[in-house]
N, C-alpha and C. Protein backbone atom coordinates (compact mmCIF):
# COMPACT_ATOMS: atom_id res chain seq x y z
N MET A 1 0.85 -1.20 0.00
CA MET A 1 0.00 0.00 0.00
C MET A 1 0.89 1.25 0.00
N LYS A 2 0.51 2.23 -0.84
CA LYS A 2 1.31 3.42 -0.96
C LYS A 2 1.27 4.25 0.31
N PRO A 3 2.39 4.98 0.62
CA PRO A 3 2.45 5.79 1.84
C PRO A 3 1.33 6.82 1.92
N ARG A 4 0.97 7.43 0.77
CA ARG A 4 -0.08 8.45 0.80
C ARG A 4 -1.43 7.84 1.18
N VAL A 5 -1.68 6.64 0.70
CA VAL A 5 -2.93 5.95 1.03
C VAL A 5 -2.98 5.60 2.51
N ILE A 6 -1.85 5.14 3.03
CA ILE A 6 -1.76 4.79 4.45
C ILE A 6 -1.99 6.03 5.31
N LEU A 7 -1.36 7.15 4.91
CA LEU A 7 -1.51 8.39 5.66
C LEU A 7 -2.96 8.86 5.65
N ALA A 8 -3.61 8.78 4.49
CA ALA A 8 -5.02 9.20 4.39
C ALA A 8 -5.91 8.30 5.24
N LEU A 9 -5.63 7.00 5.23
CA LEU A 9 -6.42 6.06 6.02
C LEU A 9 -6.25 6.32 7.50
N CYS A 10 -5.04 6.60 7.95
CA CYS A 10 -4.79 6.90 9.36
C CYS A 10 -5.52 8.18 9.78
N SER A 11 -5.49 9.18 8.92
CA SER A 11 -6.15 10.44 9.22
C SER A 11 -7.66 10.23 9.37
N ALA A 12 -8.22 9.40 8.47
CA ALA A 12 -9.65 9.12 8.54
C ALA A 12 -10.01 8.38 9.82
N LEU A 13 -9.18 7.42 10.21
CA LEU A 13 -9.43 6.66 11.43
C LEU A 13 -9.33 7.56 12.66
N CYS A 14 -8.36 8.46 12.67
CA CYS A 14 -8.21 9.40 13.80
C CYS A 14 -9.43 10.31 13.90
N LEU A 15 -9.89 10.81 12.76
CA LEU A 15 -11.06 11.68 12.76
C LEU A 15 -12.29 10.94 13.26
N LEU A 16 -12.43 9.68 12.85
CA LEU A 16 -13.56 8.87 13.30
C LEU A 16 -13.49 8.65 14.81
N ALA A 17 -12.29 8.37 15.32
CA ALA A 17 -12.12 8.14 16.76
C ALA A 17 -12.47 9.40 17.55
N LEU A 18 -12.03 10.56 17.08
CA LEU A 18 -12.33 11.81 17.77
C LEU A 18 -13.83 12.10 17.75
N THR A 19 -14.48 11.78 16.65
CA THR A 19 -15.92 12.00 16.54
C THR A 19 -16.67 11.13 17.53
N LEU A 20 -16.28 9.86 17.63
CA LEU A 20 -16.93 8.94 18.57
C LEU A 20 -16.70 9.36 20.01
N MET A 21 -15.50 9.85 20.31
CA MET A 21 -15.20 10.32 21.67
C MET A 21 -16.06 11.53 22.01
N ALA A 22 -16.22 12.42 21.05
CA ALA A 22 -17.02 13.63 21.30
C ALA A 22 -18.47 13.27 21.55
N GLN A 23 -18.97 12.23 20.86
CA GLN A 23 -20.36 11.81 21.05
C GLN A 23 -20.59 11.24 22.44
N ASP A 24 -19.55 10.67 23.04
CA ASP A 24 -19.68 10.08 24.38
C ASP A 24 -19.64 11.12 25.48
N GLN A 25 -19.20 12.34 25.17
CA GLN A 25 -19.07 13.36 26.20
C GLN A 25 -20.43 14.00 26.49
N PRO A 26 -20.75 14.18 27.78
CA PRO A 26 -22.02 14.83 28.11
C PRO A 26 -22.04 16.27 27.64
N ILE A 27 -23.18 16.71 27.14
CA ILE A 27 -23.33 18.08 26.69
C ILE A 27 -23.61 18.97 27.89
N PRO A 28 -22.77 19.99 28.13
CA PRO A 28 -23.01 20.84 29.30
C PRO A 28 -24.32 21.60 29.15
N PRO A 29 -25.02 21.83 30.27
CA PRO A 29 -26.27 22.58 30.20
C PRO A 29 -26.02 24.02 29.80
N PRO A 30 -27.01 24.67 29.20
CA PRO A 30 -26.83 26.07 28.81
C PRO A 30 -26.55 26.95 30.03
N LEU A 31 -25.72 27.95 29.83
CA LEU A 31 -25.42 28.89 30.89
C LEU A 31 -26.36 30.08 30.77
N TYR A 32 -27.28 30.22 31.72
CA TYR A 32 -28.23 31.32 31.69
C TYR A 32 -27.88 32.41 32.71
N THR A 33 -27.22 32.04 33.79
CA THR A 33 -26.95 33.02 34.84
C THR A 33 -25.66 32.69 35.58
N GLU A 34 -24.98 33.72 36.05
CA GLU A 34 -23.79 33.55 36.87
C GLU A 34 -23.49 34.88 37.57
N PHE A 35 -22.64 34.80 38.59
CA PHE A 35 -22.15 36.01 39.25
C PHE A 35 -20.83 36.42 38.63
N THR A 36 -20.56 37.72 38.63
CA THR A 36 -19.24 38.17 38.16
C THR A 36 -18.15 37.72 39.12
N ASP A 37 -18.51 37.53 40.40
CA ASP A 37 -17.58 36.97 41.38
C ASP A 37 -17.92 35.49 41.54
N TYR A 38 -17.04 34.62 41.03
CA TYR A 38 -17.31 33.18 41.09
C TYR A 38 -17.24 32.67 42.52
N GLU A 39 -16.32 33.23 43.32
CA GLU A 39 -16.18 32.85 44.73
C GLU A 39 -16.74 33.95 45.61
N ILE A 40 -17.63 33.56 46.54
CA ILE A 40 -18.28 34.53 47.42
C ILE A 40 -18.03 34.12 48.87
N PRO A 41 -17.20 34.86 49.61
CA PRO A 41 -16.97 34.56 51.03
C PRO A 41 -18.09 35.14 51.90
N VAL A 42 -18.45 34.41 52.95
CA VAL A 42 -19.56 34.85 53.79
C VAL A 42 -19.26 36.16 54.52
N PHE A 43 -17.99 36.50 54.74
CA PHE A 43 -17.71 37.74 55.46
C PHE A 43 -18.07 38.98 54.65
N TRP A 44 -18.36 38.79 53.35
CA TRP A 44 -18.83 39.93 52.55
C TRP A 44 -20.17 40.46 53.08
N ALA A 45 -20.87 39.65 53.84
CA ALA A 45 -22.15 40.10 54.39
C ALA A 45 -21.96 41.20 55.42
N ASN A 46 -20.73 41.37 55.92
CA ASN A 46 -20.47 42.32 57.01
C ASN A 46 -19.62 43.51 56.60
N THR A 47 -19.37 43.66 55.32
CA THR A 47 -18.49 44.74 54.89
C THR A 47 -19.14 46.12 55.05
N ILE A 48 -18.31 47.11 55.27
CA ILE A 48 -18.75 48.50 55.36
C ILE A 48 -17.90 49.31 54.36
N PRO A 49 -18.56 49.99 53.40
CA PRO A 49 -20.00 50.02 53.13
C PRO A 49 -20.51 48.68 52.62
N PRO A 50 -21.84 48.46 52.66
CA PRO A 50 -22.39 47.17 52.25
C PRO A 50 -21.99 46.80 50.82
N LYS A 51 -21.63 45.55 50.64
CA LYS A 51 -21.19 45.08 49.31
C LYS A 51 -22.39 44.67 48.47
N ARG A 52 -22.26 44.88 47.19
CA ARG A 52 -23.27 44.45 46.24
C ARG A 52 -22.67 43.39 45.32
N LEU A 53 -23.43 42.34 45.07
CA LEU A 53 -23.02 41.30 44.12
C LEU A 53 -23.61 41.62 42.76
N ARG A 54 -22.88 41.26 41.71
CA ARG A 54 -23.35 41.51 40.34
C ARG A 54 -23.76 40.18 39.71
N CYS A 55 -25.04 40.09 39.38
CA CYS A 55 -25.61 38.86 38.84
C CYS A 55 -25.93 39.06 37.36
N LEU A 56 -25.60 38.07 36.53
CA LEU A 56 -25.79 38.15 35.09
C LEU A 56 -26.87 37.20 34.61
N LEU A 57 -27.57 37.61 33.57
CA LEU A 57 -28.60 36.79 32.93
C LEU A 57 -28.46 36.93 31.43
N GLY A 58 -28.49 35.79 30.70
CA GLY A 58 -28.37 35.86 29.25
C GLY A 58 -28.51 34.50 28.62
N ASN A 59 -28.18 34.39 27.32
CA ASN A 59 -28.30 33.15 26.54
C ASN A 59 -29.70 32.54 26.67
N LEU A 60 -30.71 33.37 26.65
CA LEU A 60 -32.07 32.92 26.92
C LEU A 60 -32.58 31.99 25.83
N PRO A 61 -33.44 31.04 26.21
CA PRO A 61 -33.98 30.12 25.21
C PRO A 61 -34.87 30.86 24.21
N GLU A 62 -34.81 30.42 22.96
CA GLU A 62 -35.63 31.04 21.92
C GLU A 62 -37.12 30.89 22.25
N PRO A 63 -37.95 31.85 21.88
CA PRO A 63 -37.66 33.00 21.02
C PRO A 63 -37.26 34.25 21.80
N TYR A 64 -36.90 34.10 23.09
CA TYR A 64 -36.69 35.28 23.93
C TYR A 64 -35.25 35.79 23.87
N THR A 65 -35.12 37.09 24.11
CA THR A 65 -33.83 37.74 24.26
C THR A 65 -33.87 38.57 25.54
N THR A 66 -32.74 39.15 25.88
CA THR A 66 -32.71 39.97 27.10
C THR A 66 -33.62 41.19 26.99
N ASP A 67 -33.93 41.60 25.76
CA ASP A 67 -34.84 42.74 25.57
C ASP A 67 -36.26 42.40 26.01
N ASP A 68 -36.56 41.10 26.13
CA ASP A 68 -37.91 40.67 26.49
C ASP A 68 -38.11 40.49 27.99
N VAL A 69 -37.08 40.75 28.78
CA VAL A 69 -37.15 40.53 30.23
C VAL A 69 -37.72 41.76 30.93
N GLU A 70 -38.67 41.51 31.85
CA GLU A 70 -39.19 42.58 32.69
C GLU A 70 -38.21 42.79 33.84
N TYR A 71 -37.44 43.86 33.77
CA TYR A 71 -36.34 44.07 34.71
C TYR A 71 -36.79 44.00 36.17
N THR A 72 -37.91 44.62 36.47
CA THR A 72 -38.34 44.75 37.87
C THR A 72 -38.85 43.43 38.45
N SER A 73 -38.96 42.39 37.64
CA SER A 73 -39.49 41.11 38.13
C SER A 73 -38.40 40.18 38.65
N LEU A 74 -37.13 40.53 38.48
CA LEU A 74 -36.03 39.60 38.78
C LEU A 74 -35.82 39.44 40.29
N THR A 75 -35.74 38.19 40.73
CA THR A 75 -35.46 37.87 42.13
C THR A 75 -34.52 36.66 42.20
N LEU A 76 -33.71 36.63 43.26
CA LEU A 76 -32.86 35.48 43.54
C LEU A 76 -33.49 34.67 44.66
N ASN A 77 -33.50 33.34 44.47
CA ASN A 77 -34.03 32.42 45.47
C ASN A 77 -35.45 32.80 45.91
N ASP A 78 -36.21 33.37 44.99
CA ASP A 78 -37.63 33.71 45.17
C ASP A 78 -37.89 34.78 46.22
N GLU A 79 -36.86 35.44 46.74
CA GLU A 79 -37.13 36.42 47.79
C GLU A 79 -36.17 37.61 47.82
N ILE A 80 -35.10 37.58 47.06
CA ILE A 80 -34.11 38.65 47.11
C ILE A 80 -34.19 39.46 45.82
N ASP A 81 -34.49 40.74 45.94
CA ASP A 81 -34.67 41.59 44.77
C ASP A 81 -33.35 41.84 44.04
N VAL A 82 -33.43 41.84 42.72
CA VAL A 82 -32.32 42.24 41.87
C VAL A 82 -32.64 43.65 41.37
N PHE A 83 -31.74 44.59 41.59
CA PHE A 83 -32.05 45.98 41.26
C PHE A 83 -30.95 46.60 40.39
N ALA A 84 -31.23 47.81 39.91
CA ALA A 84 -30.29 48.55 39.04
C ALA A 84 -29.84 47.70 37.85
N VAL A 85 -30.81 47.08 37.19
CA VAL A 85 -30.50 46.19 36.07
C VAL A 85 -30.14 47.00 34.83
N ILE A 86 -29.06 46.60 34.18
CA ILE A 86 -28.62 47.26 32.94
C ILE A 86 -28.26 46.19 31.91
N SER A 87 -28.22 46.61 30.65
CA SER A 87 -27.76 45.73 29.58
C SER A 87 -26.26 45.93 29.41
N THR A 88 -25.53 44.82 29.26
CA THR A 88 -24.08 44.91 29.17
C THR A 88 -23.56 43.80 28.27
N THR A 89 -22.27 43.80 27.99
CA THR A 89 -21.64 42.72 27.24
C THR A 89 -20.78 41.89 28.18
N HIS A 90 -20.69 40.59 27.89
CA HIS A 90 -19.89 39.67 28.71
C HIS A 90 -19.49 38.49 27.84
N PRO A 91 -18.26 38.00 27.97
CA PRO A 91 -17.80 36.92 27.09
C PRO A 91 -18.59 35.62 27.22
N ASP A 92 -19.27 35.39 28.33
CA ASP A 92 -20.03 34.15 28.52
C ASP A 92 -21.44 34.23 27.95
N PHE A 93 -21.84 35.41 27.47
CA PHE A 93 -23.21 35.58 27.00
C PHE A 93 -23.21 36.29 25.64
N TYR A 94 -24.06 35.78 24.75
CA TYR A 94 -24.15 36.36 23.40
C TYR A 94 -25.60 36.68 23.07
N PRO A 95 -25.88 37.83 22.44
CA PRO A 95 -24.92 38.91 22.13
C PRO A 95 -24.68 39.85 23.32
N ASN A 96 -25.55 39.79 24.32
CA ASN A 96 -25.36 40.64 25.49
C ASN A 96 -25.95 39.95 26.71
N ALA A 97 -25.89 40.63 27.84
CA ALA A 97 -26.42 40.08 29.08
C ALA A 97 -27.06 41.20 29.89
N LEU A 98 -27.91 40.80 30.83
CA LEU A 98 -28.43 41.75 31.81
C LEU A 98 -27.60 41.61 33.08
N GLU A 99 -27.22 42.73 33.66
CA GLU A 99 -26.46 42.73 34.90
C GLU A 99 -27.24 43.50 35.97
N GLY A 100 -27.47 42.83 37.10
CA GLY A 100 -28.20 43.47 38.19
C GLY A 100 -27.44 43.35 39.50
N LEU A 101 -27.76 44.22 40.43
CA LEU A 101 -27.11 44.22 41.74
C LEU A 101 -27.97 43.50 42.76
N VAL A 102 -27.28 42.84 43.71
CA VAL A 102 -27.94 42.10 44.78
C VAL A 102 -27.24 42.42 46.08
N SER A 103 -28.00 42.62 47.14
CA SER A 103 -27.40 42.84 48.45
C SER A 103 -26.64 41.59 48.89
N ALA A 104 -25.33 41.75 49.14
CA ALA A 104 -24.52 40.60 49.56
C ALA A 104 -25.01 40.05 50.90
N SER A 105 -25.38 40.92 51.83
CA SER A 105 -25.81 40.45 53.15
C SER A 105 -27.09 39.64 53.04
N GLU A 106 -28.06 40.11 52.25
CA GLU A 106 -29.32 39.37 52.10
C GLU A 106 -29.08 38.03 51.43
N PHE A 107 -28.24 38.03 50.41
CA PHE A 107 -28.00 36.79 49.68
C PHE A 107 -27.26 35.78 50.53
N ILE A 108 -26.22 36.20 51.21
CA ILE A 108 -25.41 35.27 52.01
C ILE A 108 -26.20 34.73 53.19
N GLU A 109 -27.05 35.56 53.80
CA GLU A 109 -27.86 35.10 54.93
C GLU A 109 -28.76 33.94 54.54
N PHE A 110 -29.09 33.82 53.27
CA PHE A 110 -29.92 32.72 52.80
C PHE A 110 -29.25 31.37 53.05
N TYR A 111 -27.91 31.34 53.12
CA TYR A 111 -27.16 30.08 53.24
C TYR A 111 -26.58 29.86 54.64
N GLU A 112 -26.82 30.78 55.55
CA GLU A 112 -26.23 30.69 56.88
C GLU A 112 -26.86 29.59 57.73
N PRO A 113 -26.09 29.05 58.73
CA PRO A 113 -24.63 29.21 58.86
C PRO A 113 -23.91 28.26 57.91
N PHE A 114 -22.73 28.65 57.48
CA PHE A 114 -22.00 27.84 56.51
C PHE A 114 -20.53 27.86 56.85
N TRP A 115 -19.95 26.66 56.97
CA TRP A 115 -18.52 26.51 57.25
C TRP A 115 -17.86 25.82 56.08
N GLY A 116 -16.59 26.00 55.93
CA GLY A 116 -15.86 25.34 54.86
C GLY A 116 -16.09 26.02 53.52
N THR A 117 -15.76 25.31 52.45
CA THR A 117 -15.90 25.82 51.09
C THR A 117 -16.54 24.77 50.22
N ASP A 118 -17.57 25.17 49.47
CA ASP A 118 -18.27 24.20 48.64
C ASP A 118 -19.09 24.94 47.58
N TYR A 119 -19.56 24.18 46.59
CA TYR A 119 -20.46 24.75 45.61
C TYR A 119 -21.82 25.00 46.25
N ALA A 120 -22.45 26.09 45.86
CA ALA A 120 -23.80 26.41 46.32
C ALA A 120 -24.62 26.81 45.10
N PHE A 121 -25.92 26.57 45.18
CA PHE A 121 -26.79 26.84 44.04
C PHE A 121 -27.79 27.93 44.38
N TYR A 122 -28.25 28.61 43.35
CA TYR A 122 -29.26 29.65 43.52
C TYR A 122 -30.19 29.62 42.31
N THR A 123 -31.33 30.27 42.43
CA THR A 123 -32.24 30.40 41.30
C THR A 123 -32.43 31.89 40.99
N LEU A 124 -32.53 32.19 39.72
CA LEU A 124 -32.85 33.54 39.25
C LEU A 124 -34.16 33.43 38.48
N SER A 125 -35.19 34.08 38.98
CA SER A 125 -36.50 33.97 38.36
C SER A 125 -37.04 35.34 38.02
N GLY A 126 -38.04 35.36 37.15
CA GLY A 126 -38.66 36.61 36.73
C GLY A 126 -39.70 36.36 35.67
N GLU A 127 -40.03 37.40 34.93
CA GLU A 127 -41.02 37.31 33.87
C GLU A 127 -40.54 38.02 32.61
N TYR A 128 -41.00 37.49 31.48
CA TYR A 128 -40.82 38.22 30.23
C TYR A 128 -41.93 39.25 30.09
N THR A 129 -41.76 40.16 29.17
CA THR A 129 -42.75 41.22 29.00
C THR A 129 -44.10 40.69 28.53
N ASP A 130 -44.16 39.46 28.01
CA ASP A 130 -45.44 38.89 27.61
C ASP A 130 -46.14 38.15 28.75
N GLY A 131 -45.55 38.22 29.96
CA GLY A 131 -46.17 37.59 31.13
C GLY A 131 -45.70 36.18 31.41
N THR A 132 -44.90 35.60 30.53
CA THR A 132 -44.38 34.25 30.75
C THR A 132 -43.29 34.28 31.83
N SER A 133 -43.39 33.38 32.78
CA SER A 133 -42.41 33.33 33.87
C SER A 133 -41.24 32.42 33.50
N PHE A 134 -40.11 32.62 34.15
CA PHE A 134 -38.94 31.77 33.93
C PHE A 134 -38.19 31.61 35.25
N GLU A 135 -37.39 30.56 35.32
CA GLU A 135 -36.51 30.33 36.47
C GLU A 135 -35.30 29.55 35.99
N PHE A 136 -34.12 30.09 36.26
CA PHE A 136 -32.88 29.44 35.86
C PHE A 136 -32.01 29.21 37.09
N GLU A 137 -31.23 28.13 37.05
CA GLU A 137 -30.37 27.78 38.18
C GLU A 137 -28.93 28.13 37.85
N GLY A 138 -28.23 28.69 38.83
CA GLY A 138 -26.81 28.97 38.70
C GLY A 138 -26.08 28.45 39.92
N TYR A 139 -24.76 28.49 39.88
CA TYR A 139 -23.97 28.03 41.03
C TYR A 139 -22.75 28.92 41.20
N PHE A 140 -22.17 28.82 42.37
CA PHE A 140 -20.98 29.60 42.70
C PHE A 140 -20.25 28.86 43.81
N VAL A 141 -19.07 29.33 44.17
CA VAL A 141 -18.32 28.74 45.28
C VAL A 141 -18.55 29.61 46.51
N LEU A 142 -19.12 29.03 47.55
CA LEU A 142 -19.36 29.75 48.80
C LEU A 142 -18.25 29.42 49.79
N ILE A 143 -17.55 30.45 50.21
CA ILE A 143 -16.47 30.29 51.19
C ILE A 143 -17.04 30.63 52.56
N GLY A 144 -17.15 29.62 53.42
CA GLY A 144 -17.86 29.78 54.68
C GLY A 144 -17.09 30.54 55.75
N HIS A 145 -17.70 30.59 56.92
CA HIS A 145 -17.10 31.28 58.06
C HIS A 145 -15.73 30.68 58.39
N THR A 146 -14.83 31.54 58.79
CA THR A 146 -13.53 31.10 59.29
C THR A 146 -13.57 31.18 60.80
N PRO A 147 -13.46 30.04 61.50
CA PRO A 147 -13.49 30.09 62.97
C PRO A 147 -12.48 31.08 63.51
N GLY A 148 -12.94 32.02 64.33
CA GLY A 148 -12.06 32.99 64.95
C GLY A 148 -12.00 34.34 64.28
N ASP A 149 -12.57 34.45 63.08
CA ASP A 149 -12.54 35.73 62.36
C ASP A 149 -13.70 36.60 62.83
N LEU A 150 -13.61 37.09 64.06
CA LEU A 150 -14.71 37.82 64.67
C LEU A 150 -15.01 39.15 63.98
N ASN A 151 -13.98 39.82 63.51
CA ASN A 151 -14.22 41.13 62.89
C ASN A 151 -14.49 41.03 61.39
N ALA A 152 -14.58 39.80 60.89
CA ALA A 152 -14.99 39.55 59.50
C ALA A 152 -14.15 40.31 58.48
N ASP A 153 -12.84 40.28 58.68
CA ASP A 153 -11.97 40.94 57.71
C ASP A 153 -11.25 39.94 56.81
N GLY A 154 -11.62 38.64 56.95
CA GLY A 154 -11.03 37.62 56.10
C GLY A 154 -9.78 36.97 56.63
N SER A 155 -9.33 37.35 57.84
CA SER A 155 -8.13 36.74 58.43
C SER A 155 -8.33 36.60 59.93
N VAL A 156 -7.55 35.72 60.53
CA VAL A 156 -7.60 35.48 61.98
C VAL A 156 -6.28 35.93 62.57
N ASP A 157 -6.33 36.95 63.45
CA ASP A 157 -5.11 37.50 64.02
C ASP A 157 -5.39 38.10 65.39
N ILE A 158 -4.43 38.85 65.93
CA ILE A 158 -4.53 39.39 67.28
C ILE A 158 -5.72 40.34 67.42
N SER A 159 -6.14 40.99 66.33
CA SER A 159 -7.27 41.91 66.41
C SER A 159 -8.56 41.17 66.77
N ASP A 160 -8.66 39.90 66.36
CA ASP A 160 -9.83 39.11 66.72
C ASP A 160 -9.82 38.75 68.21
N VAL A 161 -8.62 38.48 68.75
CA VAL A 161 -8.51 38.21 70.18
C VAL A 161 -8.92 39.44 70.99
N VAL A 162 -8.44 40.60 70.57
CA VAL A 162 -8.79 41.84 71.27
C VAL A 162 -10.30 42.04 71.24
N GLU A 163 -10.92 41.80 70.10
CA GLU A 163 -12.37 41.99 69.99
C GLU A 163 -13.12 40.98 70.87
N PHE A 164 -12.62 39.75 70.91
CA PHE A 164 -13.24 38.71 71.73
C PHE A 164 -13.16 39.09 73.21
N VAL A 165 -11.98 39.49 73.67
CA VAL A 165 -11.80 39.86 75.09
C VAL A 165 -12.68 41.06 75.44
N SER A 166 -12.72 42.04 74.56
CA SER A 166 -13.54 43.23 74.81
C SER A 166 -15.01 42.87 74.93
N PHE A 167 -15.49 41.98 74.06
CA PHE A 167 -16.89 41.57 74.08
C PHE A 167 -17.21 40.74 75.33
N MET A 168 -16.33 39.81 75.67
CA MET A 168 -16.65 38.87 76.74
C MET A 168 -16.43 39.44 78.14
N PHE A 169 -15.41 40.31 78.30
CA PHE A 169 -15.05 40.75 79.65
C PHE A 169 -15.22 42.25 79.91
N ASN A 170 -15.23 43.07 78.86
CA ASN A 170 -15.24 44.51 79.07
C ASN A 170 -16.50 45.20 78.56
N GLY A 171 -17.53 44.42 78.28
CA GLY A 171 -18.78 45.01 77.82
C GLY A 171 -18.68 45.63 76.44
N GLY A 172 -17.76 45.12 75.64
CA GLY A 172 -17.59 45.66 74.29
C GLY A 172 -18.75 45.29 73.37
N SER A 173 -18.73 45.86 72.18
CA SER A 173 -19.81 45.60 71.23
C SER A 173 -19.76 44.16 70.72
N THR A 174 -20.89 43.70 70.22
CA THR A 174 -20.99 42.35 69.69
C THR A 174 -20.11 42.22 68.44
N PRO A 175 -19.30 41.17 68.33
CA PRO A 175 -18.45 40.98 67.15
C PRO A 175 -19.27 41.01 65.87
N ARG A 176 -18.68 41.48 64.80
CA ARG A 176 -19.39 41.57 63.52
C ARG A 176 -19.80 40.19 63.03
N ASP A 177 -19.03 39.16 63.36
CA ASP A 177 -19.38 37.80 62.94
C ASP A 177 -19.44 36.90 64.17
N MET A 178 -20.61 36.86 64.81
CA MET A 178 -20.76 36.03 66.00
C MET A 178 -20.67 34.55 65.69
N ILE A 179 -21.04 34.16 64.47
CA ILE A 179 -20.94 32.74 64.10
C ILE A 179 -19.48 32.30 64.14
N ALA A 180 -18.56 33.15 63.67
CA ALA A 180 -17.14 32.81 63.68
C ALA A 180 -16.57 32.81 65.09
N ALA A 181 -17.27 33.47 66.04
CA ALA A 181 -16.81 33.46 67.43
C ALA A 181 -16.94 32.09 68.06
N ASP A 182 -17.80 31.25 67.51
CA ASP A 182 -17.97 29.88 68.02
C ASP A 182 -16.85 29.01 67.45
N VAL A 183 -15.64 29.24 67.95
CA VAL A 183 -14.44 28.56 67.43
C VAL A 183 -14.55 27.05 67.58
N THR A 184 -15.11 26.59 68.68
CA THR A 184 -15.23 25.14 68.92
C THR A 184 -16.41 24.53 68.19
N GLN A 185 -17.26 25.38 67.59
CA GLN A 185 -18.41 24.94 66.80
C GLN A 185 -19.33 24.00 67.59
N ASN A 186 -19.64 24.44 68.82
CA ASN A 186 -20.57 23.66 69.65
C ASN A 186 -21.86 24.45 69.91
N ASP A 187 -22.12 25.45 69.07
CA ASP A 187 -23.35 26.26 69.13
C ASP A 187 -23.44 27.14 70.36
N SER A 188 -22.31 27.48 70.97
CA SER A 188 -22.29 28.43 72.08
C SER A 188 -20.95 29.17 72.05
N VAL A 189 -20.95 30.38 72.59
CA VAL A 189 -19.72 31.18 72.65
C VAL A 189 -19.34 31.38 74.11
N ASP A 190 -18.17 30.87 74.49
CA ASP A 190 -17.74 30.96 75.87
C ASP A 190 -16.22 31.00 75.94
N ILE A 191 -15.68 30.82 77.14
CA ILE A 191 -14.24 30.92 77.35
C ILE A 191 -13.46 29.88 76.56
N ALA A 192 -14.10 28.74 76.29
CA ALA A 192 -13.43 27.69 75.52
C ALA A 192 -13.12 28.17 74.11
N ASP A 193 -14.00 29.02 73.57
CA ASP A 193 -13.77 29.55 72.24
C ASP A 193 -12.61 30.54 72.24
N LEU A 194 -12.51 31.35 73.29
CA LEU A 194 -11.39 32.28 73.41
C LEU A 194 -10.08 31.51 73.52
N THR A 195 -10.07 30.47 74.32
CA THR A 195 -8.88 29.63 74.46
C THR A 195 -8.49 29.01 73.12
N GLY A 196 -9.50 28.52 72.40
CA GLY A 196 -9.24 27.92 71.10
C GLY A 196 -8.70 28.93 70.10
N LEU A 197 -9.21 30.17 70.17
CA LEU A 197 -8.72 31.21 69.28
C LEU A 197 -7.26 31.55 69.56
N ILE A 198 -6.92 31.67 70.84
CA ILE A 198 -5.53 31.95 71.21
C ILE A 198 -4.61 30.83 70.76
N ASP A 199 -5.07 29.59 70.92
CA ASP A 199 -4.26 28.45 70.48
C ASP A 199 -4.03 28.47 68.96
N MET A 200 -5.05 28.91 68.23
CA MET A 200 -4.94 28.99 66.76
C MET A 200 -3.83 29.96 66.34
N ILE A 201 -3.74 31.08 67.05
CA ILE A 201 -2.83 32.15 66.64
C ILE A 201 -1.41 31.92 67.16
N PHE A 202 -1.32 31.47 68.44
CA PHE A 202 -0.01 31.38 69.07
C PHE A 202 0.46 29.94 69.23
């Protein structure tokens, strides 16, 4: 058999193998919604000034487009309002997307209490201008409470010990993240948690 024939036959077999492999791969679901921040830490609920999350909607099923969405109808998890909605461009959505703001504190409280890091799901629902309702599911990475991070600044250090001592012994204000004050995670805040916090740092 001539070399050119062998080469053509090998190319055809490779193409066939790649086609069969592609057919075996699951087709990913359409992307209708996502946050601009893929990872959302729970301490964002306590930031000053209050943080806003940016939620995107697009790639809508035919015959609808983002122009057909009733902006004021959008809610997350059936109870959190999406506001200040605008039309924008984003590489994950064609030809454009809707971007709305969501209160980080309201959204994060929906998942409380949460420790560790894991995927979390949400729903974005609303109506088209013709009255048809829709609901799409999205996901993100939720970064839970860090034991000992009382002031909710994203780190555990001596400032958290000072805040703990002030709260427990000197009549100081309640820590910004009381859930994180439960260092031993036994559903109560006491001297054992302070001891555990000191052990963590020193």
